[in-house]
PDB file of N, CA and C in Angstrom:
ATOM      1  N   UNK A   1     -88.764  83.725 264.684  1.00  0.00           N
ATOM      2  CA  UNK A   1     -88.160  83.425 263.586  1.00  0.00           C
ATOM      3  C   UNK A   1     -86.350  83.864 263.609  1.00  0.00           C
ATOM      4  N   UNK A   2     -86.378  85.044 264.160  1.00  0.00           N
ATOM      5  CA  UNK A   2     -84.923  85.588 264.484  1.00  0.00           C
ATOM      6  C   UNK A   2     -84.169  84.432 265.479  1.00  0.00           C
ATOM      7  N   UNK A   3     -84.838  84.193 266.395  1.00  0.00           N
ATOM      8  CA  UNK A   3     -84.320  83.283 267.513  1.00  0.00           C
ATOM      9  C   UNK A   3     -84.153  81.759 266.751  1.00  0.00           C
ATOM     10  N   UNK A   4     -84.746  81.510 265.854  1.00  0.00           N
ATOM     11  CA  UNK A   4     -84.472  80.219 265.285  1.00  0.00           C
ATOM     12  C   UNK A   4     -83.260  80.274 264.321  1.00  0.00           C
ATOM     13  N   UNK A   5     -83.084  81.510 263.949  1.00  0.00           N
ATOM     14  CA  UNK A   5     -81.748  81.479 262.867  1.00  0.00           C
ATOM     15  C   UNK A   5     -80.532  81.408 263.854  1.00  0.00           C
ATOM     16  N   UNK A   6     -80.482  82.121 265.014  1.00  0.00           N
ATOM     17  CA  UNK A   6     -79.500  81.974 265.782  1.00  0.00           C
ATOM     18  C   UNK A   6     -79.232  80.814 266.560  1.00  0.00           C
ATOM     19  N   UNK A   7     -80.254  79.905 267.038  1.00  0.00           N
ATOM     20  CA  UNK A   7     -80.227  78.702 267.660  1.00  0.00           C
ATOM     21  C   UNK A   7     -80.047  77.377 267.095  1.00  0.00           C
ATOM     22  N   UNK A   8     -80.537  77.433 265.575  1.00  0.00           N
ATOM     23  CA  UNK A   8     -80.515  76.479 264.679  1.00  0.00           C
ATOM     24  C   UNK A   8     -79.967  76.937 263.209  1.00  0.00           C
ATOM     25  N   UNK A   9     -78.930  77.469 263.206  1.00  0.00           N
ATOM     26  CA  UNK A   9     -78.284  77.815 261.930  1.00  0.00           C
ATOM     27  C   UNK A   9     -78.401  76.903 260.699  1.00  0.00           C
ATOM     28  N   UNK A  10     -78.165  75.709 261.013  1.00  0.00           N
ATOM     29  CA  UNK A  10     -78.135  74.419 260.133  1.00  0.00           C
ATOM     30  C   UNK A  10     -79.528  74.187 259.594  1.00  0.00           C
ATOM     31  N   UNK A  11     -80.370  74.265 260.481  1.00  0.00           N
ATOM     32  CA  UNK A  11     -81.739  73.879 260.147  1.00  0.00           C
ATOM     33  C   UNK A  11     -82.338  74.968 259.310  1.00  0.00           C
ATOM     34  N   UNK A  12     -82.097  76.329 259.596  1.00  0.00           N
ATOM     35  CA  UNK A  12     -82.456  77.482 258.978  1.00  0.00           C
ATOM     36  C   UNK A  12     -81.979  77.411 257.554  1.00  0.00           C
ATOM     37  N   UNK A  13     -80.660  77.114 257.350  1.00  0.00           N
ATOM     38  CA  UNK A  13     -80.037  77.240 256.374  1.00  0.00           C
ATOM     39  C   UNK A  13     -80.394  76.145 255.163  1.00  0.00           C
ATOM     40  N   UNK A  14     -80.889  74.860 255.850  1.00  0.00           N
ATOM     41  CA  UNK A  14     -81.307  73.759 255.286  1.00  0.00           C
ATOM     42  C   UNK A  14     -82.737  74.176 254.668  1.00  0.00           C
ATOM     43  N   UNK A  15     -83.718  74.756 255.325  1.00  0.00           N
ATOM     44  CA  UNK A  15     -85.008  75.226 254.836  1.00  0.00           C
ATOM     45  C   UNK A  15     -84.977  76.290 253.824  1.00  0.00           C
ATOM     46  N   UNK A  16     -83.914  77.287 253.737  1.00  0.00           N
ATOM     47  CA  UNK A  16     -83.590  78.067 252.721  1.00  0.00           C
ATOM     48  C   UNK A  16     -83.089  77.327 251.465  1.00  0.00           C
ATOM     49  N   UNK A  17     -82.407  76.360 251.747  1.00  0.00           N
ATOM     50  CA  UNK A  17     -81.757  75.768 250.528  1.00  0.00           C
ATOM     51  C   UNK A  17     -83.058  74.870 249.658  1.00  0.00           C
ATOM     52  N   UNK A  18     -83.895  74.391 250.548  1.00  0.00           N
ATOM     53  CA  UNK A  18     -85.161  73.699 249.914  1.00  0.00           C
ATOM     54  C   UNK A  18     -86.068  74.572 249.041  1.00  0.00           C
ATOM     55  N   UNK A  19     -85.995  75.950 249.606  1.00  0.00           N
ATOM     56  CA  UNK A  19     -86.868  76.796 248.990  1.00  0.00           C
ATOM     57  C   UNK A  19     -86.197  77.259 247.535  1.00  0.00           C
ATOM     58  N   UNK A  20     -84.853  77.502 247.798  1.00  0.00           N
ATOM     59  CA  UNK A  20     -83.994  77.849 246.567  1.00  0.00           C
ATOM     60  C   UNK A  20     -84.256  76.594 245.389  1.00  0.00           C
ATOM     61  N   UNK A  21     -84.277  75.443 246.070  1.00  0.00           N
ATOM     62  CA  UNK A  21     -84.096  74.446 245.225  1.00  0.00           C
ATOM     63  C   UNK A  21     -85.587  74.320 244.297  1.00  0.00           C
ATOM     64  N   UNK A  22     -86.664  74.706 245.133  1.00  0.00           N
ATOM     65  CA  UNK A  22     -88.046  74.563 244.429  1.00  0.00           C
ATOM     66  C   UNK A  22     -88.194  75.832 243.192  1.00  0.00           C
ATOM     67  N   UNK A  23     -87.084  76.740 243.205  1.00  0.00           N
ATOM     68  CA  UNK A  23     -87.104  77.753 242.256  1.00  0.00           C
ATOM     69  C   UNK A  23     -86.184  77.616 241.134  1.00  0.00           C
ATOM     70  N   UNK A  24     -85.457  76.365 241.058  1.00  0.00           N
ATOM     71  CA  UNK A  24     -84.670  76.164 240.023  1.00  0.00           C
ATOM     72  C   UNK A  24     -85.498  76.005 238.639  1.00  0.00           C
ATOM     73  N   UNK A  25     -85.516  76.807 237.585  1.00  0.00           N
ATOM     74  CA  UNK A  25     -86.297  76.633 236.457  1.00  0.00           C
ATOM     75  C   UNK A  25     -85.724  76.019 235.466  1.00  0.00           C
ATOM     76  N   UNK A  26     -84.450  75.804 235.302  1.00  0.00           N
ATOM     77  CA  UNK A  26     -83.825  75.023 234.115  1.00  0.00           C
ATOM     78  C   UNK A  26     -84.108  73.541 234.303  1.00  0.00           C
ATOM     79  N   UNK A  27     -84.230  73.005 233.101  1.00  0.00           N
ATOM     80  CA  UNK A  27     -84.507  71.658 233.068  1.00  0.00           C
ATOM     81  C   UNK A  27     -83.382  70.557 233.712  1.00  0.00           C
ATOM     82  N   UNK A  28     -83.733  69.399 233.852  1.00  0.00           N
ATOM     83  CA  UNK A  28     -82.548  68.445 234.688  1.00  0.00           C
ATOM     84  C   UNK A  28     -82.922  68.170 236.134  1.00  0.00           C
ATOM     85  N   UNK A  29     -82.120  67.378 236.477  1.00  0.00           N
ATOM     86  CA  UNK A  29     -81.985  67.015 237.900  1.00  0.00           C
ATOM     87  C   UNK A  29     -81.485  68.181 238.643  1.00  0.00           C
ATOM     88  N   UNK A  30     -81.526  68.202 239.975  1.00  0.00           N
ATOM     89  CA  UNK A  30     -81.239  69.390 240.911  1.00  0.00           C
ATOM     90  C   UNK A  30     -80.142  68.906 241.724  1.00  0.00           C
ATOM     91  N   UNK A  31     -78.999  69.568 241.665  1.00  0.00           N
ATOM     92  CA  UNK A  31     -77.986  69.236 242.442  1.00  0.00           C
ATOM     93  C   UNK A  31     -78.009  70.422 243.556  1.00  0.00           C
ATOM     94  N   UNK A  32     -77.854  69.957 244.899  1.00  0.00           N
ATOM     95  CA  UNK A  32     -78.002  70.604 246.092  1.00  0.00           C
ATOM     96  C   UNK A  32     -76.538  70.445 246.647  1.00  0.00           C
ATOM     97  N   UNK A  33     -75.728  71.768 246.915  1.00  0.00           N
ATOM     98  CA  UNK A  33     -74.478  71.801 247.410  1.00  0.00           C
ATOM     99  C   UNK A  33     -74.337  72.252 248.743  1.00  0.00           C
ATOM    100  N   UNK A  34     -74.026  71.829 249.746  1.00  0.00           N
ATOM    101  CA  UNK A  34     -74.345  72.096 251.220  1.00  0.00           C
ATOM    102  C   UNK A  34     -73.189  71.695 252.101  1.00  0.00           C
ATOM    103  N   UNK A  35     -73.203  72.362 253.280  1.00  0.00           N
ATOM    104  CA  UNK A  35     -72.180  71.834 254.372  1.00  0.00           C
ATOM    105  C   UNK A  35     -72.812  70.606 254.877  1.00  0.00           C
ATOM    106  N   UNK A  36     -72.120  69.752 255.484  1.00  0.00           N
ATOM    107  CA  UNK A  36     -72.599  68.565 256.085  1.00  0.00           C
ATOM    108  C   UNK A  36     -73.686  68.682 257.044  1.00  0.00           C
ATOM    109  N   UNK A  37     -73.547  69.837 257.819  1.00  0.00           N
ATOM    110  CA  UNK A  37     -74.534  69.923 258.828  1.00  0.00           C
ATOM    111  C   UNK A  37     -75.970  70.473 258.284  1.00  0.00           C
ATOM    112  N   UNK A  38     -75.896  71.182 257.203  1.00  0.00           N
ATOM    113  CA  UNK A  38     -76.823  71.470 256.478  1.00  0.00           C
ATOM    114  C   UNK A  38     -77.763  70.286 255.811  1.00  0.00           C
ATOM    115  N   UNK A  39     -76.798  69.508 255.272  1.00  0.00           N
ATOM    116  CA  UNK A  39     -77.604  68.092 254.612  1.00  0.00           C
ATOM    117  C   UNK A  39     -78.231  67.474 255.905  1.00  0.00           C
ATOM    118  N   UNK A  40     -77.285  67.416 257.148  1.00  0.00           N
ATOM    119  CA  UNK A  40     -77.906  66.614 258.221  1.00  0.00           C
ATOM    120  C   UNK A  40     -79.213  67.047 258.689  1.00  0.00           C
ATOM    121  N   UNK A  41     -79.499  68.173 258.393  1.00  0.00           N
ATOM    122  CA  UNK A  41     -80.610  68.841 259.064  1.00  0.00           C
ATOM    123  C   UNK A  41     -81.856  68.697 258.103  1.00  0.00           C
ATOM    124  N   UNK A  42     -81.802  68.159 256.940  1.00  0.00           N
ATOM    125  CA  UNK A  42     -82.729  67.739 256.105  1.00  0.00           C
ATOM    126  C   UNK A  42     -83.232  66.207 256.192  1.00  0.00           C
ATOM    127  N   UNK A  43     -84.296  65.886 256.614  1.00  0.00           N
ATOM    128  CA  UNK A  43     -84.818  64.510 256.854  1.00  0.00           C
ATOM    129  C   UNK A  43     -85.133  63.899 255.434  1.00  0.00           C
ATOM    130  N   UNK A  44     -85.205  62.594 255.630  1.00  0.00           N
ATOM    131  CA  UNK A  44     -85.631  61.678 254.322  1.00  0.00           C
ATOM    132  C   UNK A  44     -86.741  62.531 253.763  1.00  0.00           C
ATOM    133  N   UNK A  45     -87.739  62.583 254.746  1.00  0.00           N
ATOM    134  CA  UNK A  45     -89.059  62.958 254.429  1.00  0.00           C
ATOM    135  C   UNK A  45     -89.002  64.386 253.582  1.00  0.00           C
ATOM    136  N   UNK A  46     -88.113  65.279 253.981  1.00  0.00           N
ATOM    137  CA  UNK A  46     -88.183  66.420 253.575  1.00  0.00           C
ATOM    138  C   UNK A  46     -87.648  66.325 251.986  1.00  0.00           C
ATOM    139  N   UNK A  47     -86.192  65.508 251.852  1.00  0.00           N
ATOM    140  CA  UNK A  47     -86.008  65.346 250.699  1.00  0.00           C
ATOM    141  C   UNK A  47     -86.869  64.676 249.714  1.00  0.00           C
ATOM    142  N   UNK A  48     -87.652  63.724 250.082  1.00  0.00           N
ATOM    143  CA  UNK A  48     -88.758  63.233 249.262  1.00  0.00           C
ATOM    144  C   UNK A  48     -89.862  64.088 249.001  1.00  0.00           C
ATOM    145  N   UNK A  49     -90.327  64.997 249.863  1.00  0.00           N
ATOM    146  CA  UNK A  49     -91.204  66.085 249.442  1.00  0.00           C
ATOM    147  C   UNK A  49     -90.662  67.149 248.592  1.00  0.00           C
ATOM    148  N   UNK A  50     -89.320  67.318 248.641  1.00  0.00           N
ATOM    149  CA  UNK A  50     -88.732  68.289 247.537  1.00  0.00           C
ATOM    150  C   UNK A  50     -88.937  67.528 246.094  1.00  0.00           C
ATOM    151  N   UNK A  51     -88.363  66.431 246.226  1.00  0.00           N
ATOM    152  CA  UNK A  51     -88.604  65.496 244.935  1.00  0.00           C
ATOM    153  C   UNK A  51     -89.836  65.467 244.218  1.00  0.00           C
ATOM    154  N   UNK A  52     -91.049  65.408 245.119  1.00  0.00           N
ATOM    155  CA  UNK A  52     -92.524  65.508 244.752  1.00  0.00           C
ATOM    156  C   UNK A  52     -92.892  66.770 244.201  1.00  0.00           C
ATOM    157  N   UNK A  53     -92.459  67.859 244.935  1.00  0.00           N
ATOM    158  CA  UNK A  53     -92.858  69.032 244.633  1.00  0.00           C
ATOM    159  C   UNK A  53     -92.201  69.468 243.260  1.00  0.00           C
ATOM    160  N   UNK A  54     -91.089  68.990 243.044  1.00  0.00           N
ATOM    161  CA  UNK A  54     -90.223  69.802 241.757  1.00  0.00           C
ATOM    162  C   UNK A  54     -90.481  68.492 240.696  1.00  0.00           C
ATOM    163  N   UNK A  55     -90.739  67.255 241.035  1.00  0.00           N
ATOM    164  CA  UNK A  55     -90.772  66.448 239.802  1.00  0.00           C
ATOM    165  C   UNK A  55     -89.559  65.960 239.404  1.00  0.00           C
ATOM    166  N   UNK A  56     -88.559  66.190 240.205  1.00  0.00           N
ATOM    167  CA  UNK A  56     -87.233  65.809 239.582  1.00  0.00           C
ATOM    168  C   UNK A  56     -86.392  65.131 240.727  1.00  0.00           C
ATOM    169  N   UNK A  57     -85.453  64.558 240.077  1.00  0.00           N
ATOM    170  CA  UNK A  57     -84.311  63.621 241.120  1.00  0.00           C
ATOM    171  C   UNK A  57     -83.417  64.628 241.726  1.00  0.00           C
ATOM    172  N   UNK A  58     -82.997  64.426 242.736  1.00  0.00           N
ATOM    173  CA  UNK A  58     -82.079  65.063 243.630  1.00  0.00           C
ATOM    174  C   UNK A  58     -80.680  64.506 243.539  1.00  0.00           C
ATOM    175  N   UNK A  59     -79.675  65.311 243.597  1.00  0.00           N
ATOM    176  CA  UNK A  59     -78.261  64.614 243.808  1.00  0.00           C
ATOM    177  C   UNK A  59     -77.751  65.681 244.955  1.00  0.00           C
ATOM    178  N   UNK A  60     -76.814  65.146 245.532  1.00  0.00           N
ATOM    179  CA  UNK A  60     -76.041  65.958 246.645  1.00  0.00           C
ATOM    180  C   UNK A  60     -74.702  66.153 246.480  1.00  0.00           C
ATOM    181  N   UNK A  61     -74.198  67.291 246.787  1.00  0.00           N
ATOM    182  CA  UNK A  61     -72.602  67.383 247.035  1.00  0.00           C
ATOM    183  C   UNK A  61     -72.484  68.032 248.232  1.00  0.00           C
ATOM    184  N   UNK A  62     -71.551  67.513 249.054  1.00  0.00           N
ATOM    185  CA  UNK A  62     -71.255  67.755 250.289  1.00  0.00           C
ATOM    186  C   UNK A  62     -69.864  68.673 250.324  1.00  0.00           C
ATOM    187  N   UNK A  63     -70.094  69.864 250.955  1.00  0.00           N
ATOM    188  CA  UNK A  63     -68.685  70.532 250.908  1.00  0.00           C
ATOM    189  C   UNK A  63     -68.455  71.120 252.299  1.00  0.00           C
ATOM    190  N   UNK A  64     -67.686  70.382 253.196  1.00  0.00           N
ATOM    191  CA  UNK A  64     -67.465  71.063 254.421  1.00  0.00           C
ATOM    192  C   UNK A  64     -66.763  72.259 254.671  1.00  0.00           C
ATOM    193  N   UNK A  65     -66.295  72.990 253.502  1.00  0.00           N
ATOM    194  CA  UNK A  65     -65.495  74.170 253.386  1.00  0.00           C
ATOM    195  C   UNK A  65     -66.732  75.202 253.098  1.00  0.00           C
ATOM    196  N   UNK A  66     -67.753  74.857 252.854  1.00  0.00           N
ATOM    197  CA  UNK A  66     -68.899  75.703 252.449  1.00  0.00           C
ATOM    198  C   UNK A  66     -69.516  76.244 253.843  1.00  0.00           C
ATOM    199  N   UNK A  67     -69.985  77.620 253.746  1.00  0.00           N
ATOM    200  CA  UNK A  67     -70.675  78.144 254.829  1.00  0.00           C
ATOM    201  C   UNK A  67     -71.933  77.602 254.924  1.00  0.00           C
ATOM    202  N   UNK A  68     -72.721  77.681 255.985  1.00  0.00           N
ATOM    203  CA  UNK A  68     -74.059  77.096 256.188  1.00  0.00           C
ATOM    204  C   UNK A  68     -74.824  77.720 255.276  1.00  0.00           C
ATOM    205  N   UNK A  69     -74.761  79.154 255.168  1.00  0.00           N
ATOM    206  CA  UNK A  69     -75.760  80.154 254.555  1.00  0.00           C
ATOM    207  C   UNK A  69     -75.218  80.189 252.888  1.00  0.00           C
ATOM    208  N   UNK A  70     -74.142  79.474 252.651  1.00  0.00           N
ATOM    209  CA  UNK A  70     -73.758  79.379 251.148  1.00  0.00           C
ATOM    210  C   UNK A  70     -74.119  78.225 250.394  1.00  0.00           C
ATOM    211  N   UNK A  71     -74.991  77.374 250.977  1.00  0.00           N
ATOM    212  CA  UNK A  71     -75.767  76.095 250.216  1.00  0.00           C
ATOM    213  C   UNK A  71     -76.246  76.714 248.949  1.00  0.00           C
ATOM    214  N   UNK A  72     -76.305  75.844 248.026  1.00  0.00           N
ATOM    215  CA  UNK A  72     -76.902  76.415 246.781  1.00  0.00           C
ATOM    216  C   UNK A  72     -77.636  75.375 245.778  1.00  0.00           C
ATOM    217  N   UNK A  73     -78.648  75.652 245.127  1.00  0.00           N
ATOM    218  CA  UNK A  73     -79.118  74.470 244.188  1.00  0.00           C
ATOM    219  C   UNK A  73     -79.006  74.977 242.771  1.00  0.00           C
ATOM    220  N   UNK A  74     -78.752  73.948 241.737  1.00  0.00           N
ATOM    221  CA  UNK A  74     -78.657  74.105 240.360  1.00  0.00           C
ATOM    222  C   UNK A  74     -79.178  72.950 239.694  1.00  0.00           C
ATOM    223  N   UNK A  75     -79.561  73.204 238.505  1.00  0.00           N
ATOM    224  CA  UNK A  75     -79.996  72.215 237.675  1.00  0.00           C
ATOM    225  C   UNK A  75     -78.782  71.605 237.007  1.00  0.00           C
ATOM    226  N   UNK A  76     -78.689  70.154 236.936  1.00  0.00           N
ATOM    227  CA  UNK A  76     -77.684  69.363 236.100  1.00  0.00           C
ATOM    228  C   UNK A  76     -78.345  68.568 235.219  1.00  0.00           C
ATOM    229  N   UNK A  77     -77.719  68.260 234.107  1.00  0.00           N
ATOM    230  CA  UNK A  77     -78.347  67.376 233.080  1.00  0.00           C
ATOM    231  C   UNK A  77     -78.437  65.985 233.652  1.00  0.00           C
ATOM    232  N   UNK A  78     -79.345  65.374 233.429  1.00  0.00           N
ATOM    233  CA  UNK A  78     -79.692  64.005 234.059  1.00  0.00           C
ATOM    234  C   UNK A  78     -78.925  62.901 233.201  1.00  0.00           C
TER     235      UNK A  78
END
């Protein structure tokens, strides 16, 4: 697991972001804000699975100034 963190930082940050998004309790769509490399590590299937698991629509904001580990998820009004 530690080796994965050092060899695939974007992928590890992407998986962490997906877990964070699953725990957003507030109502509304989920806005995921991430570095482009983190977004790139999330496949269409992973994106669809998150929508299925949360029952919510997803929106993305890409921020190339954000650190990989700084990605976050928040509820927004639909």
